[in-house]
Amino acid sequence: MTNTNLSLEHIIRPSSLADNAPLIIMLHGYGSDENDLFSFASELSEELFIISVKAPYAMQPFGNAWYAINFDAEKGKWSDNEQAIKSRDLIAKFIDEACDAYPVNKDNVTLLGFSQGTILSYAVALTYPEKIKNIVALSGYINPDIIPETFDKTKLSHLDFYCSHGSVDQVIPVEWARQSPKILESLNVKHQYSEFPVGHGVAPQNFYDFKTWLVKRT
């Protein structure tokens, strides 16, 4: 079930509540699509209104991306930050559209991202904090090039982050993820950071960990 009038393609799982439902917006990783994280939906509270979004840039032969990652022998790999900023702003616009289109509580919005979707979740929350309450940041990191250079910490004080990473992640080094709690701490933002002995994925214990965290906050 979906609404084609909004600016990003998505699928939804309605809430058991008739209105004012807590909203979770899922943002998938590079090369995936809206069906990926949606597999979590059946395990989460029926009161949550869940939207899983498809990233805007189609890849070949399949999958989507929030922004290009260029693989270059000399540079290693580097991200297209201009595209990332466009996607950041597009997600912010989509949040407003979704809150207008669906029977949800605009003051209880959670972003749940994986990998590239997490990088964008951090960016959206730190750039548009008034739109977000909670963030589940799985296997990603804060890219300083796509967030503001300066912050009004009072506008970030309500945010709450659950951050996790695989300690043997072969795609995004765990050292990058370990910078995120340091940055959040410097901004006086509430957060929890956990590592699990896995690669670039979500271990069952990780899922139950953030599920428990979510129950207390939504």
Protein backbone atom coordinates (compact mmCIF):
# COMPACT_ATOMS: atom_id res chain seq x y z
CA MET A 1 0.00 0.00 0.00
CA THR A 2 1.40 3.37 -0.99
CA ASN A 3 0.58 6.98 -1.81
CA THR A 4 1.91 8.07 -5.19
CA ASN A 5 1.34 11.79 -4.62
CA LEU A 6 4.32 12.20 -2.30
CA SER A 7 7.76 13.15 -3.60
CA LEU A 8 9.45 9.83 -2.76
CA GLU A 9 8.18 6.35 -3.58
CA HIS A 10 7.38 4.35 -0.46
CA ILE A 11 5.41 1.53 1.08
CA ILE A 12 3.48 1.72 4.35
CA ARG A 13 2.22 -0.41 7.21
CA PRO A 14 -0.71 1.41 8.83
CA SER A 15 -0.97 1.78 12.59
CA SER A 16 -3.55 0.12 14.81
CA LEU A 17 -4.32 3.66 16.01
CA ALA A 18 -6.90 5.64 14.05
CA ASP A 19 -4.93 8.87 14.32
CA ASN A 20 -1.92 10.57 15.93
CA ALA A 21 0.19 7.43 15.53
CA PRO A 22 3.94 7.50 16.17
CA LEU A 23 5.68 7.46 12.79
CA ILE A 24 8.78 5.53 11.73
CA ILE A 25 10.41 6.35 8.40
CA MET A 26 12.85 3.71 7.16
CA LEU A 27 15.77 4.68 4.90
CA HIS A 28 17.56 1.80 3.19
CA GLY A 29 21.22 1.46 2.26
CA TYR A 30 23.15 1.85 -1.01
CA GLY A 31 21.99 -0.52 -3.76
CA SER A 32 18.91 -1.69 -1.88
CA ASP A 33 15.25 -0.62 -1.97
CA GLU A 34 12.19 0.08 0.16
CA ASN A 35 11.48 -3.63 0.76
CA ASP A 36 14.74 -4.22 2.64
CA LEU A 37 14.16 -2.64 6.07
CA PHE A 38 10.39 -3.17 5.72
CA SER A 39 11.05 -6.75 6.82
CA PHE A 40 11.42 -5.31 10.34
CA ALA A 41 7.85 -3.98 10.29
CA SER A 42 6.09 -7.19 11.33
CA GLU A 43 8.28 -7.36 14.45
CA LEU A 44 7.59 -3.80 15.61
CA SER A 45 4.67 -2.43 17.65
CA GLU A 46 1.32 -2.37 15.84
CA GLU A 47 0.80 1.19 17.07
CA LEU A 48 3.66 2.44 14.89
CA PHE A 49 2.81 3.83 11.47
CA ILE A 50 5.68 2.60 9.31
CA ILE A 51 6.84 4.10 6.02
CA SER A 52 9.72 2.57 4.10
CA VAL A 53 11.09 4.89 1.44
CA LYS A 54 12.84 4.19 -1.88
CA ALA A 55 15.94 6.31 -2.54
CA PRO A 56 15.66 8.57 -5.61
CA TYR A 57 18.65 7.44 -7.70
CA ALA A 58 18.12 4.20 -9.64
CA MET A 59 21.14 1.91 -10.02
CA GLN A 60 21.88 -0.69 -12.70
CA PRO A 61 20.86 -3.45 -12.96
CA PHE A 62 18.72 -2.94 -9.83
CA GLY A 63 18.57 -1.16 -6.49
CA ASN A 64 18.63 2.49 -5.53
CA ALA A 65 20.94 4.98 -3.85
CA TRP A 66 20.57 8.21 -1.90
CA TYR A 67 23.72 9.46 -3.58
CA ALA A 68 26.48 8.14 -5.80
CA ILE A 69 29.56 6.47 -4.37
CA ASN A 70 32.44 6.67 -6.82
CA PHE A 71 35.04 3.93 -6.70
CA ASP A 72 38.38 5.23 -7.89
CA ALA A 73 41.70 3.41 -7.71
CA GLU A 74 43.57 6.51 -6.58
CA LYS A 75 41.03 7.96 -4.16
CA GLY A 76 39.63 4.72 -2.86
CA LYS A 77 35.94 5.60 -2.71
CA TRP A 78 34.28 8.93 -2.25
CA SER A 79 30.72 10.16 -1.84
CA ASP A 80 28.84 12.65 -3.99
CA ASN A 81 28.03 15.13 -1.21
CA GLU A 82 25.97 17.39 -3.50
CA GLN A 83 23.63 14.50 -4.23
CA ALA A 84 23.62 13.59 -0.54
CA ILE A 85 22.53 17.12 0.41
CA LYS A 86 19.75 17.00 -2.21
CA SER A 87 18.55 13.70 -0.73
CA ARG A 88 18.81 15.11 2.80
CA ASP A 89 16.53 17.99 1.85
CA LEU A 90 14.20 15.72 -0.13
CA ILE A 91 13.73 13.48 2.93
CA ALA A 92 12.97 16.56 5.06
CA LYS A 93 10.32 17.60 2.53
CA PHE A 94 8.94 14.04 2.46
CA ILE A 95 8.56 14.04 6.25
CA ASP A 96 6.28 17.08 6.02
CA GLU A 97 4.31 15.48 3.18
CA ALA A 98 3.90 12.21 5.07
CA CYS A 99 2.71 13.99 8.22
CA ASP A 100 0.06 15.76 6.12
CA ALA A 101 -0.97 12.67 4.15
CA TYR A 102 -1.19 10.08 6.92
CA PRO A 103 -2.85 9.99 10.41
CA VAL A 104 0.41 10.39 12.33
CA ASN A 105 1.83 12.54 15.12
CA LYS A 106 4.28 15.02 13.55
CA ASP A 107 5.89 15.46 16.99
CA ASN A 108 6.71 11.75 17.25
CA VAL A 109 8.77 10.96 14.15
CA THR A 110 11.56 8.37 14.21
CA LEU A 111 14.08 7.83 11.43
CA LEU A 112 15.43 4.30 11.08
CA GLY A 113 18.35 4.03 8.69
CA PHE A 114 20.87 1.45 7.57
CA SER A 115 24.29 2.31 6.10
CA GLN A 116 23.75 5.13 3.55
CA GLY A 117 20.26 5.53 5.00
CA THR A 118 21.86 6.08 8.41
CA ILE A 119 24.25 8.70 7.05
CA LEU A 120 21.20 10.55 5.70
CA SER A 121 19.27 10.02 8.96
CA TYR A 122 22.05 11.72 10.92
CA ALA A 123 22.13 14.55 8.36
CA VAL A 124 18.36 15.11 8.38
CA ALA A 125 18.11 15.05 12.17
CA LEU A 126 21.02 17.44 12.72
CA THR A 127 19.93 19.80 9.91
CA TYR A 128 16.16 19.73 10.55
CA PRO A 129 15.91 18.75 14.24
CA GLU A 130 12.42 20.24 14.57
CA LYS A 131 11.07 17.45 12.31
CA ILE A 132 12.56 14.49 14.23
CA LYS A 133 12.31 12.98 17.69
CA ASN A 134 14.26 9.68 17.60
CA ILE A 135 16.89 8.20 15.31
CA VAL A 136 17.92 4.55 14.93
CA ALA A 137 21.30 4.71 13.18
CA LEU A 138 22.46 1.26 12.07
CA SER A 139 25.87 0.69 10.43
CA GLY A 140 26.52 4.29 9.40
CA TYR A 141 28.34 7.44 10.49
CA ILE A 142 28.06 11.22 10.60
CA ASN A 143 29.36 12.82 7.40
CA PRO A 144 30.44 16.35 8.48
CA ASP A 145 30.18 17.60 4.88
CA ILE A 146 26.39 17.23 4.77
CA ILE A 147 25.45 18.73 8.14
CA PRO A 148 25.59 22.39 9.30
CA GLU A 149 28.95 23.83 10.32
CA THR A 150 27.49 25.34 13.49
CA PHE A 151 24.57 24.34 15.70
CA ASP A 152 22.13 25.89 18.12
CA LYS A 153 22.39 23.16 20.75
CA THR A 154 19.07 24.14 22.32
CA LYS A 155 17.32 23.04 19.11
CA LEU A 156 18.96 19.61 19.33
CA SER A 157 18.23 18.95 23.00
CA HIS A 158 15.10 16.81 22.37
CA LEU A 159 16.82 14.41 19.94
CA ASP A 160 17.61 10.85 20.99
CA PHE A 161 19.87 8.51 18.98
CA TYR A 162 20.37 4.76 19.03
CA CYS A 163 23.63 4.05 17.18
CA SER A 164 25.11 0.64 16.43
CA HIS A 165 27.79 -0.87 14.23
CA GLY A 166 29.40 -4.18 13.43
CA SER A 167 32.87 -4.41 14.97
CA VAL A 168 34.16 -6.23 11.86
CA ASP A 169 32.25 -4.15 9.28
CA GLN A 170 34.08 -4.50 5.97
CA VAL A 171 32.10 -1.74 4.19
CA ILE A 172 32.08 1.15 6.66
CA PRO A 173 35.01 0.98 9.11
CA VAL A 174 33.94 0.81 12.74
CA GLU A 175 36.41 3.67 13.45
CA TRP A 176 34.15 5.98 11.41
CA ALA A 177 31.11 4.94 13.43
CA ARG A 178 32.96 5.51 16.71
CA GLN A 179 33.26 9.20 15.85
CA SER A 180 29.47 9.63 15.90
CA PRO A 181 28.94 9.38 19.67
CA LYS A 182 31.83 11.80 20.19
CA ILE A 183 30.16 14.33 17.89
CA LEU A 184 26.76 13.82 19.56
CA GLU A 185 28.36 14.22 22.98
CA SER A 186 29.95 17.51 21.92
CA LEU A 187 26.46 18.71 20.94
CA ASN A 188 24.90 17.54 24.26
CA VAL A 189 22.61 15.17 22.34
CA LYS A 190 21.20 12.04 24.00
CA HIS A 191 22.54 8.85 22.48
CA GLN A 192 23.36 5.20 23.01
CA TYR A 193 26.15 3.49 21.07
CA SER A 194 26.60 -0.28 20.75
CA GLU A 195 28.84 -2.60 18.75
CA PHE A 196 28.12 -6.18 17.73
CA PRO A 197 30.57 -8.85 16.49
CA VAL A 198 29.28 -8.83 12.90
CA GLY A 199 30.08 -7.30 9.51
CA HIS A 200 27.91 -4.87 7.55
CA GLY A 201 24.52 -6.03 8.76
CA VAL A 202 22.08 -6.13 11.67
CA ALA A 203 22.63 -9.00 14.12
CA PRO A 204 19.53 -10.45 15.83
CA GLN A 205 20.74 -9.09 19.19
CA ASN A 206 21.14 -5.67 17.59
CA PHE A 207 17.54 -5.80 16.34
CA TYR A 208 16.15 -6.69 19.76
CA ASP A 209 18.34 -4.03 21.34
CA PHE A 210 16.98 -1.18 19.23
CA LYS A 211 13.45 -2.61 19.36
CA THR A 212 13.56 -2.39 23.17
CA TRP A 213 15.01 1.13 22.91
CA LEU A 214 12.19 2.15 20.58
CA VAL A 215 9.42 0.77 22.77
CA LYS A 216 10.47 3.12 25.57
CA ARG A 217 10.48 6.17 23.27
CA THR A 218 7.53 5.80 20.92
